[in-house]
């Protein structure tokens, strides 16, 4: 297993970044670009996932990291809800909707698993050395 030296090394952060890119691509390829409020909401929520993972990692302590991962996980729920609105307004196909929904659910599960791992870990972070 590779050593994790920065948040960019975390698979959950990489997946969250990919989700943000997909949301941006949908905006450019659909009429979502004219639904400013909805795009701003889902763009902010998807960005919150990756940003909170990064911020929590940089805190150098497991308790704070867990807190920020919990916020990131909650943002996954927000993105899922907004995806329903995007689908209901026909900005994406049912197929794309299902793919994105599963991608966000998977990311949420992975973040949840990471939280559980950190909660059980004896390592408390470099802040507490």
N, C-alpha and C. Protein backbone atom coordinates (compact mmCIF):
# COMPACT_ATOMS: atom_id res chain seq x y z
N UNK A 1 0.84 -1.18 0.00
CA UNK A 1 0.00 0.00 0.00
C UNK A 1 0.88 1.25 0.00
N UNK A 2 0.55 2.20 -0.84
CA UNK A 2 1.32 3.43 -0.94
C UNK A 2 1.13 4.29 0.30
N UNK A 3 2.16 5.02 0.64
CA UNK A 3 2.10 5.90 1.79
C UNK A 3 1.28 7.15 1.42
N UNK A 4 0.41 7.55 2.32
CA UNK A 4 -0.42 8.73 2.12
C UNK A 4 0.32 9.93 2.70
N UNK A 5 0.74 10.82 1.83
CA UNK A 5 1.49 11.99 2.28
C UNK A 5 0.70 13.29 2.12
N UNK A 6 -0.30 13.28 1.27
CA UNK A 6 -1.12 14.47 1.06
C UNK A 6 -2.54 14.05 0.73
N UNK A 7 -3.46 14.98 0.83
CA UNK A 7 -4.85 14.62 0.53
C UNK A 7 -5.03 14.17 -0.91
N UNK A 8 -4.15 14.63 -1.80
CA UNK A 8 -4.23 14.21 -3.20
C UNK A 8 -3.97 12.71 -3.36
N UNK A 9 -3.34 12.10 -2.37
CA UNK A 9 -3.06 10.66 -2.40
C UNK A 9 -4.27 9.82 -1.99
N UNK A 10 -5.30 10.47 -1.44
CA UNK A 10 -6.48 9.74 -0.96
C UNK A 10 -7.42 9.42 -2.11
N UNK A 11 -7.80 8.16 -2.20
CA UNK A 11 -8.73 7.72 -3.25
C UNK A 11 -10.08 8.45 -3.14
N UNK A 12 -10.55 8.68 -1.92
CA UNK A 12 -11.85 9.37 -1.75
C UNK A 12 -11.78 10.79 -2.30
N UNK A 13 -10.65 11.45 -2.11
CA UNK A 13 -10.51 12.81 -2.65
C UNK A 13 -10.47 12.79 -4.18
N UNK A 14 -9.74 11.83 -4.73
CA UNK A 14 -9.65 11.70 -6.19
C UNK A 14 -11.02 11.44 -6.80
N UNK A 15 -11.80 10.56 -6.16
CA UNK A 15 -13.15 10.27 -6.66
C UNK A 15 -14.05 11.50 -6.54
N UNK A 16 -13.93 12.23 -5.45
CA UNK A 16 -14.73 13.45 -5.27
C UNK A 16 -14.36 14.48 -6.34
N UNK A 17 -13.11 14.58 -6.66
CA UNK A 17 -12.67 15.50 -7.72
C UNK A 17 -13.28 15.09 -9.06
N UNK A 18 -13.29 13.80 -9.35
CA UNK A 18 -13.90 13.31 -10.58
C UNK A 18 -15.38 13.62 -10.64
N UNK A 19 -16.07 13.50 -9.51
CA UNK A 19 -17.50 13.84 -9.46
C UNK A 19 -17.70 15.32 -9.79
N UNK A 20 -16.88 16.19 -9.23
CA UNK A 20 -16.98 17.63 -9.52
C UNK A 20 -16.82 17.89 -11.02
N UNK A 21 -15.88 17.20 -11.62
CA UNK A 21 -15.66 17.37 -13.06
C UNK A 21 -16.88 16.92 -13.85
N UNK A 22 -17.47 15.80 -13.45
CA UNK A 22 -18.68 15.32 -14.16
C UNK A 22 -19.82 16.32 -14.06
N UNK A 23 -19.99 16.92 -12.89
CA UNK A 23 -21.05 17.92 -12.70
C UNK A 23 -20.79 19.11 -13.63
N UNK A 24 -19.54 19.55 -13.69
CA UNK A 24 -19.19 20.67 -14.56
C UNK A 24 -19.44 20.31 -16.03
N UNK A 25 -19.08 19.09 -16.42
CA UNK A 25 -19.31 18.66 -17.80
C UNK A 25 -20.81 18.63 -18.13
N UNK A 26 -21.62 18.17 -17.18
CA UNK A 26 -23.08 18.17 -17.39
C UNK A 26 -23.58 19.58 -17.60
N UNK A 27 -23.06 20.50 -16.81
CA UNK A 27 -23.45 21.90 -16.97
C UNK A 27 -23.16 22.37 -18.40
N UNK A 28 -21.99 22.05 -18.91
CA UNK A 28 -21.59 22.52 -20.24
C UNK A 28 -22.35 21.82 -21.36
N UNK A 29 -22.85 20.61 -21.10
CA UNK A 29 -23.49 19.81 -22.15
C UNK A 29 -25.01 19.87 -22.12
N UNK A 30 -25.57 20.62 -21.18
CA UNK A 30 -27.03 20.62 -21.03
C UNK A 30 -27.54 22.03 -20.70
N UNK A 31 -28.84 22.12 -20.54
CA UNK A 31 -29.44 23.39 -20.15
C UNK A 31 -29.27 23.69 -18.67
N UNK A 32 -28.58 22.83 -17.94
CA UNK A 32 -28.27 23.14 -16.55
C UNK A 32 -27.51 24.47 -16.47
N UNK A 33 -26.79 24.80 -17.54
CA UNK A 33 -26.04 26.05 -17.55
C UNK A 33 -26.94 27.27 -17.44
N UNK A 34 -28.24 27.11 -17.73
CA UNK A 34 -29.17 28.24 -17.61
C UNK A 34 -29.94 28.23 -16.29
N UNK A 35 -29.80 27.14 -15.54
CA UNK A 35 -30.45 27.02 -14.24
C UNK A 35 -29.39 27.36 -13.18
N UNK A 36 -29.11 28.65 -13.10
CA UNK A 36 -27.96 29.11 -12.32
C UNK A 36 -28.00 28.66 -10.86
N UNK A 37 -29.13 28.79 -10.24
CA UNK A 37 -29.25 28.47 -8.81
C UNK A 37 -28.99 26.98 -8.55
N UNK A 38 -29.61 26.12 -9.35
CA UNK A 38 -29.42 24.68 -9.17
C UNK A 38 -27.97 24.29 -9.46
N UNK A 39 -27.40 24.85 -10.51
CA UNK A 39 -26.00 24.52 -10.80
C UNK A 39 -25.10 25.00 -9.66
N UNK A 40 -25.33 26.21 -9.18
CA UNK A 40 -24.52 26.71 -8.08
C UNK A 40 -24.62 25.80 -6.86
N UNK A 41 -25.81 25.30 -6.59
CA UNK A 41 -26.00 24.42 -5.43
C UNK A 41 -25.25 23.10 -5.59
N UNK A 42 -25.41 22.45 -6.73
CA UNK A 42 -24.76 21.14 -6.89
C UNK A 42 -23.26 21.30 -7.08
N UNK A 43 -22.84 22.39 -7.67
CA UNK A 43 -21.41 22.66 -7.80
C UNK A 43 -20.78 22.87 -6.43
N UNK A 44 -21.46 23.64 -5.58
CA UNK A 44 -20.95 23.88 -4.23
C UNK A 44 -20.96 22.61 -3.39
N UNK A 45 -22.02 21.83 -3.50
CA UNK A 45 -22.12 20.60 -2.70
C UNK A 45 -21.08 19.57 -3.13
N UNK A 46 -20.88 19.41 -4.43
CA UNK A 46 -19.87 18.45 -4.89
C UNK A 46 -18.47 18.95 -4.54
N UNK A 47 -18.26 20.25 -4.63
CA UNK A 47 -16.98 20.82 -4.22
C UNK A 47 -16.74 20.66 -2.73
N UNK A 48 -17.81 20.73 -1.96
CA UNK A 48 -17.71 20.57 -0.50
C UNK A 48 -17.18 19.19 -0.14
N UNK A 49 -17.52 18.19 -0.92
CA UNK A 49 -17.03 16.84 -0.64
C UNK A 49 -15.50 16.83 -0.70
N UNK A 50 -14.96 17.26 -1.83
CA UNK A 50 -13.50 17.20 -1.97
C UNK A 50 -12.80 18.20 -1.06
N UNK A 51 -13.40 19.38 -0.87
CA UNK A 51 -12.76 20.40 -0.04
C UNK A 51 -12.71 20.00 1.43
N UNK A 52 -13.77 19.38 1.92
CA UNK A 52 -13.77 18.96 3.32
C UNK A 52 -12.82 17.79 3.57
N UNK A 53 -12.68 16.91 2.60
CA UNK A 53 -11.69 15.84 2.73
C UNK A 53 -10.30 16.47 2.83
N UNK A 54 -10.02 17.42 1.96
CA UNK A 54 -8.70 18.09 1.96
C UNK A 54 -8.48 18.85 3.26
N UNK A 55 -9.46 19.64 3.68
CA UNK A 55 -9.29 20.43 4.89
C UNK A 55 -9.11 19.55 6.12
N UNK A 56 -9.90 18.51 6.22
CA UNK A 56 -9.78 17.60 7.35
C UNK A 56 -8.41 16.93 7.40
N UNK A 57 -7.91 16.52 6.25
CA UNK A 57 -6.60 15.89 6.18
C UNK A 57 -5.52 16.85 6.69
N UNK A 58 -5.63 18.10 6.28
CA UNK A 58 -4.62 19.09 6.63
C UNK A 58 -4.66 19.50 8.10
N UNK A 59 -5.69 19.12 8.83
CA UNK A 59 -5.77 19.43 10.26
C UNK A 59 -4.82 18.59 11.10
N UNK A 60 -4.33 17.49 10.53
CA UNK A 60 -3.32 16.64 11.18
C UNK A 60 -3.78 15.99 12.48
N UNK A 61 -5.07 15.80 12.61
CA UNK A 61 -5.59 15.10 13.79
C UNK A 61 -6.81 14.29 13.41
N UNK A 62 -6.88 13.05 13.89
CA UNK A 62 -7.98 12.17 13.50
C UNK A 62 -9.36 12.70 13.88
N UNK A 63 -9.50 13.28 15.07
CA UNK A 63 -10.83 13.76 15.48
C UNK A 63 -11.34 14.82 14.53
N UNK A 64 -10.48 15.77 14.19
CA UNK A 64 -10.90 16.81 13.25
C UNK A 64 -11.12 16.23 11.85
N UNK A 65 -10.26 15.31 11.44
CA UNK A 65 -10.41 14.69 10.13
C UNK A 65 -11.75 13.98 10.05
N UNK A 66 -12.11 13.24 11.09
CA UNK A 66 -13.40 12.55 11.12
C UNK A 66 -14.55 13.54 11.00
N UNK A 67 -14.43 14.66 11.70
CA UNK A 67 -15.48 15.69 11.63
C UNK A 67 -15.64 16.20 10.19
N UNK A 68 -14.55 16.49 9.53
CA UNK A 68 -14.62 16.99 8.16
C UNK A 68 -15.07 15.91 7.18
N UNK A 69 -14.68 14.66 7.43
CA UNK A 69 -15.17 13.57 6.59
C UNK A 69 -16.68 13.41 6.76
N UNK A 70 -17.18 13.63 7.95
CA UNK A 70 -18.64 13.56 8.19
C UNK A 70 -19.36 14.64 7.40
N UNK A 71 -18.77 15.82 7.32
CA UNK A 71 -19.36 16.90 6.52
C UNK A 71 -19.33 16.51 5.04
N UNK A 72 -18.22 15.94 4.60
CA UNK A 72 -18.11 15.50 3.20
C UNK A 72 -19.16 14.45 2.89
N UNK A 73 -19.37 13.52 3.81
CA UNK A 73 -20.37 12.46 3.62
C UNK A 73 -21.77 13.07 3.53
N UNK A 74 -22.05 14.05 4.38
CA UNK A 74 -23.35 14.72 4.33
C UNK A 74 -23.53 15.45 2.99
N UNK A 75 -22.46 16.00 2.46
CA UNK A 75 -22.54 16.67 1.16
C UNK A 75 -22.86 15.68 0.05
N UNK A 76 -22.46 14.42 0.23
CA UNK A 76 -22.84 13.38 -0.74
C UNK A 76 -24.37 13.27 -0.80
N UNK A 77 -25.01 13.31 0.36
CA UNK A 77 -26.47 13.27 0.41
C UNK A 77 -27.09 14.46 -0.28
N UNK A 78 -26.49 15.62 -0.08
CA UNK A 78 -26.99 16.83 -0.73
C UNK A 78 -26.88 16.71 -2.25
N UNK A 79 -25.75 16.21 -2.73
CA UNK A 79 -25.56 16.03 -4.18
C UNK A 79 -26.59 15.04 -4.73
N UNK A 80 -26.81 13.95 -4.00
CA UNK A 80 -27.80 12.96 -4.46
C UNK A 80 -29.17 13.60 -4.60
N UNK A 81 -29.57 14.39 -3.64
CA UNK A 81 -30.87 15.05 -3.70
C UNK A 81 -30.94 16.00 -4.90
N UNK A 82 -29.89 16.73 -5.13
CA UNK A 82 -29.86 17.66 -6.25
C UNK A 82 -29.85 16.93 -7.59
N UNK A 83 -29.27 15.75 -7.63
CA UNK A 83 -29.30 14.96 -8.86
C UNK A 83 -30.74 14.61 -9.25
N UNK A 84 -31.59 14.36 -8.27
CA UNK A 84 -33.00 14.09 -8.58
C UNK A 84 -33.63 15.31 -9.24
N UNK A 85 -33.31 16.50 -8.76
CA UNK A 85 -33.87 17.71 -9.37
C UNK A 85 -33.35 17.89 -10.79
N UNK A 86 -32.07 17.59 -10.97
CA UNK A 86 -31.48 17.70 -12.31
C UNK A 86 -32.13 16.70 -13.27
N UNK A 87 -32.39 15.50 -12.79
CA UNK A 87 -33.07 14.50 -13.62
C UNK A 87 -34.51 14.90 -13.88
N UNK A 88 -35.21 15.36 -12.84
CA UNK A 88 -36.62 15.74 -13.00
C UNK A 88 -36.79 16.90 -13.98
N UNK A 89 -35.77 17.70 -14.14
CA UNK A 89 -35.82 18.83 -15.09
C UNK A 89 -35.24 18.45 -16.45
N UNK A 90 -34.95 17.16 -16.61
CA UNK A 90 -34.47 16.61 -17.89
C UNK A 90 -33.14 17.19 -18.36
N UNK A 91 -32.28 17.54 -17.43
CA UNK A 91 -30.94 18.00 -17.80
C UNK A 91 -30.02 16.82 -18.07
N UNK A 92 -30.36 15.64 -17.54
CA UNK A 92 -29.59 14.43 -17.78
C UNK A 92 -30.55 13.28 -18.05
N UNK A 93 -30.05 12.27 -18.74
CA UNK A 93 -30.85 11.08 -19.04
C UNK A 93 -30.97 10.21 -17.79
N UNK A 94 -31.91 9.28 -17.85
CA UNK A 94 -32.07 8.32 -16.75
C UNK A 94 -30.80 7.51 -16.55
N UNK A 95 -30.14 7.16 -17.64
CA UNK A 95 -28.92 6.37 -17.57
C UNK A 95 -27.80 7.15 -16.85
N UNK A 96 -27.59 8.39 -17.23
CA UNK A 96 -26.57 9.22 -16.59
C UNK A 96 -26.93 9.44 -15.12
N UNK A 97 -28.21 9.67 -14.85
CA UNK A 97 -28.67 9.85 -13.48
C UNK A 97 -28.32 8.64 -12.63
N UNK A 98 -28.63 7.43 -13.12
CA UNK A 98 -28.34 6.21 -12.36
C UNK A 98 -26.84 6.03 -12.13
N UNK A 99 -26.04 6.33 -13.15
CA UNK A 99 -24.58 6.23 -13.01
C UNK A 99 -24.07 7.17 -11.92
N UNK A 100 -24.53 8.43 -11.98
CA UNK A 100 -24.09 9.42 -11.00
C UNK A 100 -24.57 9.08 -9.60
N UNK A 101 -25.81 8.62 -9.51
CA UNK A 101 -26.36 8.25 -8.21
C UNK A 101 -25.52 7.16 -7.58
N UNK A 102 -25.16 6.14 -8.35
CA UNK A 102 -24.34 5.05 -7.82
C UNK A 102 -22.93 5.55 -7.48
N UNK A 103 -22.40 6.44 -8.29
CA UNK A 103 -21.08 7.00 -8.01
C UNK A 103 -21.07 7.74 -6.67
N UNK A 104 -22.11 8.54 -6.42
CA UNK A 104 -22.18 9.30 -5.17
C UNK A 104 -22.45 8.37 -3.99
N UNK A 105 -23.32 7.38 -4.18
CA UNK A 105 -23.57 6.41 -3.10
C UNK A 105 -22.29 5.66 -2.74
N UNK A 106 -21.55 5.25 -3.74
CA UNK A 106 -20.29 4.54 -3.52
C UNK A 106 -19.29 5.42 -2.77
N UNK A 107 -19.19 6.66 -3.19
CA UNK A 107 -18.29 7.60 -2.53
C UNK A 107 -18.69 7.80 -1.07
N UNK A 108 -19.98 7.93 -0.82
CA UNK A 108 -20.48 8.09 0.54
C UNK A 108 -20.12 6.87 1.40
N UNK A 109 -20.31 5.68 0.84
CA UNK A 109 -19.95 4.45 1.57
C UNK A 109 -18.46 4.41 1.86
N UNK A 110 -17.66 4.81 0.89
CA UNK A 110 -16.21 4.79 1.05
C UNK A 110 -15.78 5.79 2.13
N UNK A 111 -16.37 6.97 2.14
CA UNK A 111 -16.07 7.95 3.17
C UNK A 111 -16.49 7.39 4.54
N UNK A 112 -17.66 6.76 4.59
CA UNK A 112 -18.12 6.14 5.84
C UNK A 112 -17.16 5.08 6.34
N UNK A 113 -16.65 4.28 5.43
CA UNK A 113 -15.67 3.26 5.80
C UNK A 113 -14.37 3.88 6.31
N UNK A 114 -13.98 4.96 5.70
CA UNK A 114 -12.76 5.66 6.12
C UNK A 114 -12.95 6.24 7.53
N UNK A 115 -14.13 6.78 7.79
CA UNK A 115 -14.45 7.30 9.13
C UNK A 115 -14.34 6.17 10.17
N UNK A 116 -14.93 5.02 9.86
CA UNK A 116 -14.88 3.88 10.77
C UNK A 116 -13.44 3.45 11.02
N UNK A 117 -12.66 3.39 9.96
CA UNK A 117 -11.24 3.03 10.09
C UNK A 117 -10.52 3.99 11.03
N UNK A 118 -10.72 5.30 10.82
CA UNK A 118 -10.05 6.29 11.65
C UNK A 118 -10.52 6.23 13.11
N UNK A 119 -11.80 5.94 13.31
CA UNK A 119 -12.32 5.84 14.67
C UNK A 119 -11.68 4.68 15.43
N UNK A 120 -11.36 3.61 14.73
CA UNK A 120 -10.77 2.43 15.35
C UNK A 120 -9.24 2.49 15.43
N UNK A 121 -8.66 3.45 14.73
CA UNK A 121 -7.20 3.55 14.65
C UNK A 121 -6.61 4.09 15.94
N UNK A 122 -5.45 3.56 16.32
CA UNK A 122 -4.72 4.07 17.47
C UNK A 122 -3.95 5.34 17.11
N UNK A 123 -3.72 5.55 15.82
CA UNK A 123 -3.00 6.73 15.36
C UNK A 123 -3.91 7.94 15.49
N UNK A 124 -3.44 8.97 16.17
CA UNK A 124 -4.28 10.15 16.41
C UNK A 124 -3.91 11.35 15.55
N UNK A 125 -2.83 11.22 14.78
CA UNK A 125 -2.42 12.31 13.90
C UNK A 125 -1.15 12.98 14.39
N UNK A 126 -0.46 13.66 13.47
CA UNK A 126 0.82 14.29 13.81
C UNK A 126 0.66 15.44 14.79
N UNK A 127 -0.51 16.01 14.86
CA UNK A 127 -0.78 17.11 15.77
C UNK A 127 -0.55 16.68 17.22
N UNK A 128 -0.72 15.38 17.50
CA UNK A 128 -0.67 14.89 18.87
C UNK A 128 0.58 14.09 19.19
N UNK A 129 1.64 14.26 18.41
CA UNK A 129 2.89 13.55 18.67
C UNK A 129 3.63 14.21 19.81
